[in-house]
Every structure is written in structure tokens, then in C-alpha cells.
Amino acid sequence: MAFYDIQPTTMTIPGEGTITLTQIFMQINYQVGMEEMTVPYNLCDAETKSWYSAPVVIDQAQLDQWGTDDMYIVNLVATAAGVTLV
């Protein structure tokens, strides 16, 4: 489980207004032999308050490309979430 800084992006939340999101939190839980992995993520503000959450499914082809770079999965999730890591 980890927080990663993202390029600030805004989201309009009904009843809350426009929120600036500055972090993505994700929980990567890989087990050897998995054919697909679901990675839940949250988009958070500067105080780490979560404003949006969803899962990303990493398929077998993507897992096969993983190798030894743990940031590979982090970047896949960030891209699927529509945010850019900084």
C-alpha cells in the first residue's frame, strides 16, 4: 500500500464543489501464478482524503510484461485512472 504524487487534477464532487486531487493510493497484492490482478486505487487530496475510488484489472499479458520494475504496475494503474505520476 502506498501513496504516489500525481499532477494536480480537479474533480467536481456534488455537495462538495471542486476538489484538487494530488495523490493516488493503491494496494498491489500479487500472488505468484495469478492470471489477473485487481488493484484498487483511490484518488486523494493533499491531506490524503479519498474522493474517488475504483479498481483496475491487470490482465495476464500485462503481468507477463512486469519483470522486476515495481513501478510498472504503479504506472499501469495511474494510466488507467487517467492521472500522471510526478
PDB file of N, CA and C in Angstrom:
ATOM      1  N   MET A   1       0.849  -1.172   0.000  1.00  0.00           N
ATOM      2  CA  MET A   1       0.000   0.000   0.000  1.00  0.00           C
ATOM      3  C   MET A   1       0.892   1.231   0.000  1.00  0.00           C
ATOM      4  N   ALA A   2       0.571   2.150  -0.901  1.00  0.00           N
ATOM      5  CA  ALA A   2       1.421   3.334  -0.985  1.00  0.00           C
ATOM      6  C   ALA A   2       0.680   4.492  -1.637  1.00  0.00           C
ATOM      7  N   PHE A   3       1.093   5.699  -1.263  1.00  0.00           N
ATOM      8  CA  PHE A   3       0.619   6.921  -1.898  1.00  0.00           C
ATOM      9  C   PHE A   3       1.675   7.374  -2.896  1.00  0.00           C
ATOM     10  N   TYR A   4       1.234   7.873  -4.039  1.00  0.00           N
ATOM     11  CA  TYR A   4       2.127   8.433  -5.050  1.00  0.00           C
ATOM     12  C   TYR A   4       1.592   9.802  -5.439  1.00  0.00           C
ATOM     13  N   ASP A   5       2.490  10.772  -5.600  1.00  0.00           N
ATOM     14  CA  ASP A   5       2.086  12.111  -6.032  1.00  0.00           C
ATOM     15  C   ASP A   5       1.686  12.071  -7.501  1.00  0.00           C
ATOM     16  N   ILE A   6       0.640  12.832  -7.816  1.00  0.00           N
ATOM     17  CA  ILE A   6       0.169  12.948  -9.198  1.00  0.00           C
ATOM     18  C   ILE A   6       0.125  14.421  -9.582  1.00  0.00           C
ATOM     19  N   GLN A   7       0.106  14.663 -10.886  1.00  0.00           N
ATOM     20  CA  GLN A   7      -0.085  16.019 -11.379  1.00  0.00           C
ATOM     21  C   GLN A   7      -1.460  16.466 -10.881  1.00  0.00           C
ATOM     22  N   PRO A   8      -1.548  17.616 -10.216  1.00  0.00           N
ATOM     23  CA  PRO A   8      -2.838  18.039  -9.679  1.00  0.00           C
ATOM     24  C   PRO A   8      -3.925  18.041 -10.758  1.00  0.00           C
ATOM     25  N   THR A   9      -5.054  17.501 -10.385  1.00  0.00           N
ATOM     26  CA  THR A   9      -6.207  17.454 -11.274  1.00  0.00           C
ATOM     27  C   THR A   9      -7.441  17.770 -10.447  1.00  0.00           C
ATOM     28  N   THR A  10      -8.433  18.359 -11.059  1.00  0.00           N
ATOM     29  CA  THR A  10      -9.631  18.723 -10.306  1.00  0.00           C
ATOM     30  C   THR A  10     -10.780  17.778 -10.623  1.00  0.00           C
ATOM     31  N   MET A  11     -11.646  17.645  -9.637  1.00  0.00           N
ATOM     32  CA  MET A  11     -12.835  16.816  -9.784  1.00  0.00           C
ATOM     33  C   MET A  11     -13.967  17.547  -9.075  1.00  0.00           C
ATOM     34  N   THR A  12     -15.112  17.620  -9.725  1.00  0.00           N
ATOM     35  CA  THR A  12     -16.269  18.236  -9.091  1.00  0.00           C
ATOM     36  C   THR A  12     -17.056  17.160  -8.358  1.00  0.00           C
ATOM     37  N   ILE A  13     -17.237  17.383  -7.061  1.00  0.00           N
ATOM     38  CA  ILE A  13     -17.941  16.444  -6.199  1.00  0.00           C
ATOM     39  C   ILE A  13     -19.269  17.094  -5.793  1.00  0.00           C
ATOM     40  N   PRO A  14     -20.401  16.466  -6.131  1.00  0.00           N
ATOM     41  CA  PRO A  14     -21.692  17.041  -5.735  1.00  0.00           C
ATOM     42  C   PRO A  14     -21.745  17.291  -4.218  1.00  0.00           C
ATOM     43  N   GLY A  15     -22.160  18.492  -3.857  1.00  0.00           N
ATOM     44  CA  GLY A  15     -22.261  18.864  -2.460  1.00  0.00           C
ATOM     45  C   GLY A  15     -20.949  19.314  -1.833  1.00  0.00           C
ATOM     46  N   GLU A  16     -19.840  19.116  -2.540  1.00  0.00           N
ATOM     47  CA  GLU A  16     -18.524  19.497  -2.009  1.00  0.00           C
ATOM     48  C   GLU A  16     -17.855  20.579  -2.844  1.00  0.00           C
ATOM     49  N   GLY A  17     -18.182  20.642  -4.121  1.00  0.00           N
ATOM     50  CA  GLY A  17     -17.548  21.600  -5.011  1.00  0.00           C
ATOM     51  C   GLY A  17     -16.409  20.975  -5.785  1.00  0.00           C
ATOM     52  N   THR A  18     -15.477  21.821  -6.191  1.00  0.00           N
ATOM     53  CA  THR A  18     -14.327  21.355  -6.959  1.00  0.00           C
ATOM     54  C   THR A  18     -13.184  21.020  -6.008  1.00  0.00           C
ATOM     55  N   ILE A  19     -12.687  19.809  -6.126  1.00  0.00           N
ATOM     56  CA  ILE A  19     -11.623  19.305  -5.261  1.00  0.00           C
ATOM     57  C   ILE A  19     -10.360  19.121  -6.113  1.00  0.00           C
ATOM     58  N   THR A  20      -9.219  19.508  -5.581  1.00  0.00           N
ATOM     59  CA  THR A  20      -7.947  19.260  -6.262  1.00  0.00           C
ATOM     60  C   THR A  20      -7.357  17.965  -5.728  1.00  0.00           C
ATOM     61  N   LEU A  21      -7.156  17.032  -6.632  1.00  0.00           N
ATOM     62  CA  LEU A  21      -6.581  15.731  -6.292  1.00  0.00           C
ATOM     63  C   LEU A  21      -5.089  15.769  -6.570  1.00  0.00           C
ATOM     64  N   THR A  22      -4.282  15.317  -5.606  1.00  0.00           N
ATOM     65  CA  THR A  22      -2.829  15.408  -5.747  1.00  0.00           C
ATOM     66  C   THR A  22      -2.107  14.090  -5.488  1.00  0.00           C
ATOM     67  N   GLN A  23      -2.863  13.041  -5.125  1.00  0.00           N
ATOM     68  CA  GLN A  23      -2.231  11.764  -4.811  1.00  0.00           C
ATOM     69  C   GLN A  23      -3.097  10.605  -5.286  1.00  0.00           C
ATOM     70  N   ILE A  24      -2.442   9.504  -5.579  1.00  0.00           N
ATOM     71  CA  ILE A  24      -3.140   8.252  -5.847  1.00  0.00           C
ATOM     72  C   ILE A  24      -2.613   7.237  -4.839  1.00  0.00           C
ATOM     73  N   PHE A  25      -3.545   6.509  -4.251  1.00  0.00           N
ATOM     74  CA  PHE A  25      -3.218   5.454  -3.298  1.00  0.00           C
ATOM     75  C   PHE A  25      -3.626   4.142  -3.937  1.00  0.00           C
ATOM     76  N   MET A  26      -2.771   3.143  -3.852  1.00  0.00           N
ATOM     77  CA  MET A  26      -3.137   1.850  -4.430  1.00  0.00           C
ATOM     78  C   MET A  26      -2.629   0.713  -3.561  1.00  0.00           C
ATOM     79  N   GLN A  27      -3.329  -0.400  -3.672  1.00  0.00           N
ATOM     80  CA  GLN A  27      -2.958  -1.591  -2.920  1.00  0.00           C
ATOM     81  C   GLN A  27      -2.679  -2.712  -3.912  1.00  0.00           C
ATOM     82  N   ILE A  28      -1.396  -3.014  -4.100  1.00  0.00           N
ATOM     83  CA  ILE A  28      -0.976  -4.061  -5.032  1.00  0.00           C
ATOM     84  C   ILE A  28      -0.772  -5.337  -4.234  1.00  0.00           C
ATOM     85  N   ASN A  29      -1.524  -6.364  -4.595  1.00  0.00           N
ATOM     86  CA  ASN A  29      -1.442  -7.633  -3.879  1.00  0.00           C
ATOM     87  C   ASN A  29      -1.302  -8.757  -4.893  1.00  0.00           C
ATOM     88  N   TYR A  30      -0.076  -8.997  -5.311  1.00  0.00           N
ATOM     89  CA  TYR A  30       0.209 -10.035  -6.308  1.00  0.00           C
ATOM     90  C   TYR A  30       0.611 -11.329  -5.621  1.00  0.00           C
ATOM     91  N   GLN A  31       0.085 -12.427  -6.132  1.00  0.00           N
ATOM     92  CA  GLN A  31       0.498 -13.750  -5.673  1.00  0.00           C
ATOM     93  C   GLN A  31       1.013 -14.515  -6.888  1.00  0.00           C
ATOM     94  N   VAL A  32       2.102 -15.233  -6.710  1.00  0.00           N
ATOM     95  CA  VAL A  32       2.714 -15.984  -7.805  1.00  0.00           C
ATOM     96  C   VAL A  32       1.665 -16.884  -8.457  1.00  0.00           C
ATOM     97  N   GLY A  33       1.646 -16.854  -9.785  1.00  0.00           N
ATOM     98  CA  GLY A  33       0.727 -17.693 -10.546  1.00  0.00           C
ATOM     99  C   GLY A  33      -0.586 -17.024 -10.916  1.00  0.00           C
ATOM    100  N   MET A  34      -0.805 -15.804 -10.433  1.00  0.00           N
ATOM    101  CA  MET A  34      -2.049 -15.105 -10.784  1.00  0.00           C
ATOM    102  C   MET A  34      -2.118 -14.899 -12.291  1.00  0.00           C
ATOM    103  N   GLU A  35      -3.311 -15.054 -12.844  1.00  0.00           N
ATOM    104  CA  GLU A  35      -3.514 -14.789 -14.268  1.00  0.00           C
ATOM    105  C   GLU A  35      -4.095 -13.406 -14.503  1.00  0.00           C
ATOM    106  N   GLU A  36      -4.624 -12.794 -13.451  1.00  0.00           N
ATOM    107  CA  GLU A  36      -5.043 -11.399 -13.492  1.00  0.00           C
ATOM    108  C   GLU A  36      -5.041 -10.888 -12.058  1.00  0.00           C
ATOM    109  N   MET A  37      -4.856  -9.599 -11.934  1.00  0.00           N
ATOM    110  CA  MET A  37      -4.761  -8.995 -10.611  1.00  0.00           C
ATOM    111  C   MET A  37      -5.607  -7.735 -10.588  1.00  0.00           C
ATOM    112  N   THR A  38      -6.464  -7.625  -9.589  1.00  0.00           N
ATOM    113  CA  THR A  38      -7.261  -6.418  -9.403  1.00  0.00           C
ATOM    114  C   THR A  38      -6.533  -5.516  -8.409  1.00  0.00           C
ATOM    115  N   VAL A  39      -6.326  -4.264  -8.817  1.00  0.00           N
ATOM    116  CA  VAL A  39      -5.632  -3.290  -7.966  1.00  0.00           C
ATOM    117  C   VAL A  39      -6.612  -2.159  -7.646  1.00  0.00           C
ATOM    118  N   PRO A  40      -7.105  -2.100  -6.399  1.00  0.00           N
ATOM    119  CA  PRO A  40      -7.955  -0.975  -6.021  1.00  0.00           C
ATOM    120  C   PRO A  40      -7.115   0.292  -5.845  1.00  0.00           C
ATOM    121  N   TYR A  41      -7.691   1.430  -6.251  1.00  0.00           N
ATOM    122  CA  TYR A  41      -6.977   2.702  -6.062  1.00  0.00           C
ATOM    123  C   TYR A  41      -7.939   3.764  -5.581  1.00  0.00           C
ATOM    124  N   ASN A  42      -7.376   4.793  -4.960  1.00  0.00           N
ATOM    125  CA  ASN A  42      -8.129   5.958  -4.504  1.00  0.00           C
ATOM    126  C   ASN A  42      -7.408   7.198  -4.993  1.00  0.00           C
ATOM    127  N   LEU A  43      -8.173   8.191  -5.430  1.00  0.00           N
ATOM    128  CA  LEU A  43      -7.620   9.500  -5.751  1.00  0.00           C
ATOM    129  C   LEU A  43      -7.890  10.396  -4.559  1.00  0.00           C
ATOM    130  N   CYS A  44      -6.833  11.058  -4.073  1.00  0.00           N
ATOM    131  CA  CYS A  44      -6.896  11.772  -2.801  1.00  0.00           C
ATOM    132  C   CYS A  44      -6.424  13.218  -2.942  1.00  0.00           C
ATOM    133  N   ASP A  45      -6.826  14.033  -1.959  1.00  0.00           N
ATOM    134  CA  ASP A  45      -6.349  15.417  -1.912  1.00  0.00           C
ATOM    135  C   ASP A  45      -5.027  15.473  -1.150  1.00  0.00           C
ATOM    136  N   ALA A  46      -4.521  16.666  -0.909  1.00  0.00           N
ATOM    137  CA  ALA A  46      -3.220  16.844  -0.261  1.00  0.00           C
ATOM    138  C   ALA A  46      -3.202  16.320   1.174  1.00  0.00           C
ATOM    139  N   GLU A  47      -4.371  16.219   1.791  1.00  0.00           N
ATOM    140  CA  GLU A  47      -4.452  15.696   3.160  1.00  0.00           C
ATOM    141  C   GLU A  47      -4.719  14.192   3.173  1.00  0.00           C
ATOM    142  N   THR A  48      -4.595  13.551   2.029  1.00  0.00           N
ATOM    143  CA  THR A  48      -4.822  12.109   1.812  1.00  0.00           C
ATOM    144  C   THR A  48      -6.272  11.683   2.006  1.00  0.00           C
ATOM    145  N   LYS A  49      -7.200  12.630   1.937  1.00  0.00           N
ATOM    146  CA  LYS A  49      -8.621  12.270   1.990  1.00  0.00           C
ATOM    147  C   LYS A  49      -9.021  11.724   0.625  1.00  0.00           C
ATOM    148  N   SER A  50      -9.620  10.563   0.630  1.00  0.00           N
ATOM    149  CA  SER A  50     -10.040   9.917  -0.607  1.00  0.00           C
ATOM    150  C   SER A  50     -11.340  10.529  -1.124  1.00  0.00           C
ATOM    151  N   TRP A  51     -11.341  10.867  -2.434  1.00  0.00           N
ATOM    152  CA  TRP A  51     -12.519  11.445  -3.065  1.00  0.00           C
ATOM    153  C   TRP A  51     -13.087  10.557  -4.160  1.00  0.00           C
ATOM    154  N   TYR A  52     -12.303   9.621  -4.635  1.00  0.00           N
ATOM    155  CA  TYR A  52     -12.761   8.729  -5.700  1.00  0.00           C
ATOM    156  C   TYR A  52     -12.000   7.413  -5.582  1.00  0.00           C
ATOM    157  N   SER A  53     -12.714   6.315  -5.801  1.00  0.00           N
ATOM    158  CA  SER A  53     -12.032   5.015  -5.780  1.00  0.00           C
ATOM    159  C   SER A  53     -12.609   4.114  -6.856  1.00  0.00           C
ATOM    160  N   ALA A  54     -11.778   3.209  -7.328  1.00  0.00           N
ATOM    161  CA  ALA A  54     -12.181   2.245  -8.357  1.00  0.00           C
ATOM    162  C   ALA A  54     -11.108   1.156  -8.426  1.00  0.00           C
ATOM    163  N   PRO A  55     -11.428   0.047  -9.079  1.00  0.00           N
ATOM    164  CA  PRO A  55     -10.405  -0.980  -9.294  1.00  0.00           C
ATOM    165  C   PRO A  55      -9.869  -0.938 -10.721  1.00  0.00           C
ATOM    166  N   VAL A  56      -8.645  -1.405 -10.895  1.00  0.00           N
ATOM    167  CA  VAL A  56      -8.052  -1.617 -12.213  1.00  0.00           C
ATOM    168  C   VAL A  56      -7.710  -3.101 -12.298  1.00  0.00           C
ATOM    169  N   VAL A  57      -8.085  -3.741 -13.381  1.00  0.00           N
ATOM    170  CA  VAL A  57      -7.750  -5.146 -13.576  1.00  0.00           C
ATOM    171  C   VAL A  57      -6.543  -5.232 -14.498  1.00  0.00           C
ATOM    172  N   ILE A  58      -5.479  -5.850 -13.982  1.00  0.00           N
ATOM    173  CA  ILE A  58      -4.254  -6.079 -14.750  1.00  0.00           C
ATOM    174  C   ILE A  58      -4.367  -7.486 -15.330  1.00  0.00           C
ATOM    175  N   ASP A  59      -4.331  -7.598 -16.647  1.00  0.00           N
ATOM    176  CA  ASP A  59      -4.533  -8.910 -17.269  1.00  0.00           C
ATOM    177  C   ASP A  59      -3.224  -9.692 -17.407  1.00  0.00           C
ATOM    178  N   GLN A  60      -3.337 -10.920 -17.876  1.00  0.00           N
ATOM    179  CA  GLN A  60      -2.189 -11.818 -17.983  1.00  0.00           C
ATOM    180  C   GLN A  60      -1.087 -11.241 -18.859  1.00  0.00           C
ATOM    181  N   ALA A  61      -1.447 -10.662 -19.986  1.00  0.00           N
ATOM    182  CA  ALA A  61      -0.428 -10.093 -20.883  1.00  0.00           C
ATOM    183  C   ALA A  61       0.348  -8.983 -20.180  1.00  0.00           C
ATOM    184  N   GLN A  62      -0.340  -8.152 -19.417  1.00  0.00           N
ATOM    185  CA  GLN A  62       0.336  -7.083 -18.683  1.00  0.00           C
ATOM    186  C   GLN A  62       1.214  -7.651 -17.573  1.00  0.00           C
ATOM    187  N   LEU A  63       0.722  -8.654 -16.866  1.00  0.00           N
ATOM    188  CA  LEU A  63       1.522  -9.298 -15.817  1.00  0.00           C
ATOM    189  C   LEU A  63       2.781  -9.919 -16.397  1.00  0.00           C
ATOM    190  N   ASP A  64       2.656 -10.511 -17.594  1.00  0.00           N
ATOM    191  CA  ASP A  64       3.814 -11.129 -18.244  1.00  0.00           C
ATOM    192  C   ASP A  64       4.905 -10.108 -18.555  1.00  0.00           C
ATOM    193  N   GLN A  65       4.535  -8.841 -18.749  1.00  0.00           N
ATOM    194  CA  GLN A  65       5.490  -7.780 -19.069  1.00  0.00           C
ATOM    195  C   GLN A  65       6.113  -7.147 -17.824  1.00  0.00           C
ATOM    196  N   TRP A  66       5.653  -7.513 -16.661  1.00  0.00           N
ATOM    197  CA  TRP A  66       6.030  -6.849 -15.418  1.00  0.00           C
ATOM    198  C   TRP A  66       7.530  -6.868 -15.171  1.00  0.00           C
ATOM    199  N   GLY A  67       8.158  -7.986 -15.196  1.00  0.00           N
ATOM    200  CA  GLY A  67       9.594  -8.050 -14.922  1.00  0.00           C
ATOM    201  C   GLY A  67       9.910  -7.703 -13.483  1.00  0.00           C
ATOM    202  N   THR A  68      10.951  -6.906 -13.245  1.00  0.00           N
ATOM    203  CA  THR A  68      11.388  -6.582 -11.881  1.00  0.00           C
ATOM    204  C   THR A  68      11.124  -5.134 -11.481  1.00  0.00           C
ATOM    205  N   ASP A  69      10.525  -4.352 -12.354  1.00  0.00           N
ATOM    206  CA  ASP A  69      10.267  -2.937 -12.074  1.00  0.00           C
ATOM    207  C   ASP A  69       8.894  -2.777 -11.439  1.00  0.00           C
ATOM    208  N   ASP A  70       8.847  -2.599 -10.113  1.00  0.00           N
ATOM    209  CA  ASP A  70       7.574  -2.457  -9.422  1.00  0.00           C
ATOM    210  C   ASP A  70       6.789  -1.225  -9.877  1.00  0.00           C
ATOM    211  N   MET A  71       7.468  -0.221 -10.389  1.00  0.00           N
ATOM    212  CA  MET A  71       6.764   0.973 -10.872  1.00  0.00           C
ATOM    213  C   MET A  71       5.955   0.675 -12.136  1.00  0.00           C
ATOM    214  N   TYR A  72       6.233  -0.423 -12.795  1.00  0.00           N
ATOM    215  CA  TYR A  72       5.467  -0.817 -13.985  1.00  0.00           C
ATOM    216  C   TYR A  72       3.988  -0.924 -13.635  1.00  0.00           C
ATOM    217  N   ILE A  73       3.650  -1.618 -12.566  1.00  0.00           N
ATOM    218  CA  ILE A  73       2.258  -1.789 -12.158  1.00  0.00           C
ATOM    219  C   ILE A  73       1.690  -0.451 -11.690  1.00  0.00           C
ATOM    220  N   VAL A  74       2.457   0.307 -10.931  1.00  0.00           N
ATOM    221  CA  VAL A  74       2.014   1.623 -10.458  1.00  0.00           C
ATOM    222  C   VAL A  74       1.657   2.503 -11.654  1.00  0.00           C
ATOM    223  N   ASN A  75       2.500   2.508 -12.679  1.00  0.00           N
ATOM    224  CA  ASN A  75       2.233   3.312 -13.876  1.00  0.00           C
ATOM    225  C   ASN A  75       1.013   2.809 -14.646  1.00  0.00           C
ATOM    226  N   LEU A  76       0.817   1.482 -14.703  1.00  0.00           N
ATOM    227  CA  LEU A  76      -0.383   0.949 -15.363  1.00  0.00           C
ATOM    228  C   LEU A  76      -1.645   1.430 -14.664  1.00  0.00           C
ATOM    229  N   VAL A  77      -1.651   1.374 -13.348  1.00  0.00           N
ATOM    230  CA  VAL A  77      -2.828   1.797 -12.582  1.00  0.00           C
ATOM    231  C   VAL A  77      -3.061   3.299 -12.752  1.00  0.00           C
ATOM    232  N   ALA A  78      -2.006   4.098 -12.662  1.00  0.00           N
ATOM    233  CA  ALA A  78      -2.146   5.549 -12.826  1.00  0.00           C
ATOM    234  C   ALA A  78      -2.696   5.892 -14.206  1.00  0.00           C
ATOM    235  N   THR A  79      -2.187   5.226 -15.236  1.00  0.00           N
ATOM    236  CA  THR A  79      -2.675   5.470 -16.591  1.00  0.00           C
ATOM    237  C   THR A  79      -4.145   5.100 -16.709  1.00  0.00           C
ATOM    238  N   ALA A  80      -4.525   3.956 -16.166  1.00  0.00           N
ATOM    239  CA  ALA A  80      -5.930   3.533 -16.215  1.00  0.00           C
ATOM    240  C   ALA A  80      -6.829   4.500 -15.436  1.00  0.00           C
ATOM    241  N   ALA A  81      -6.285   5.102 -14.380  1.00  0.00           N
ATOM    242  CA  ALA A  81      -7.044   6.072 -13.586  1.00  0.00           C
ATOM    243  C   ALA A  81      -7.107   7.434 -14.249  1.00  0.00           C
ATOM    244  N   GLY A  82      -6.296   7.635 -15.301  1.00  0.00           N
ATOM    245  CA  GLY A  82      -6.307   8.902 -16.021  1.00  0.00           C
ATOM    246  C   GLY A  82      -5.491   9.994 -15.362  1.00  0.00           C
ATOM    247  N   VAL A  83      -4.499   9.592 -14.543  1.00  0.00           N
ATOM    248  CA  VAL A  83      -3.649  10.583 -13.887  1.00  0.00           C
ATOM    249  C   VAL A  83      -2.192  10.356 -14.270  1.00  0.00           C
ATOM    250  N   THR A  84      -1.364  11.374 -14.012  1.00  0.00           N
ATOM    251  CA  THR A  84       0.057  11.309 -14.337  1.00  0.00           C
ATOM    252  C   THR A  84       0.862  11.413 -13.049  1.00  0.00           C
ATOM    253  N   LEU A  85       1.748  10.457 -12.833  1.00  0.00           N
ATOM    254  CA  LEU A  85       2.634  10.496 -11.671  1.00  0.00           C
ATOM    255  C   LEU A  85       3.665  11.616 -11.838  1.00  0.00           C
ATOM    256  N   VAL A  86       4.045  12.228 -10.718  1.00  0.00           N
ATOM    257  CA  VAL A  86       5.099  13.255 -10.743  1.00  0.00           C
ATOM    258  C   VAL A  86       6.207  12.861  -9.797  1.00  0.00           C
TER     259      VAL A  86
END
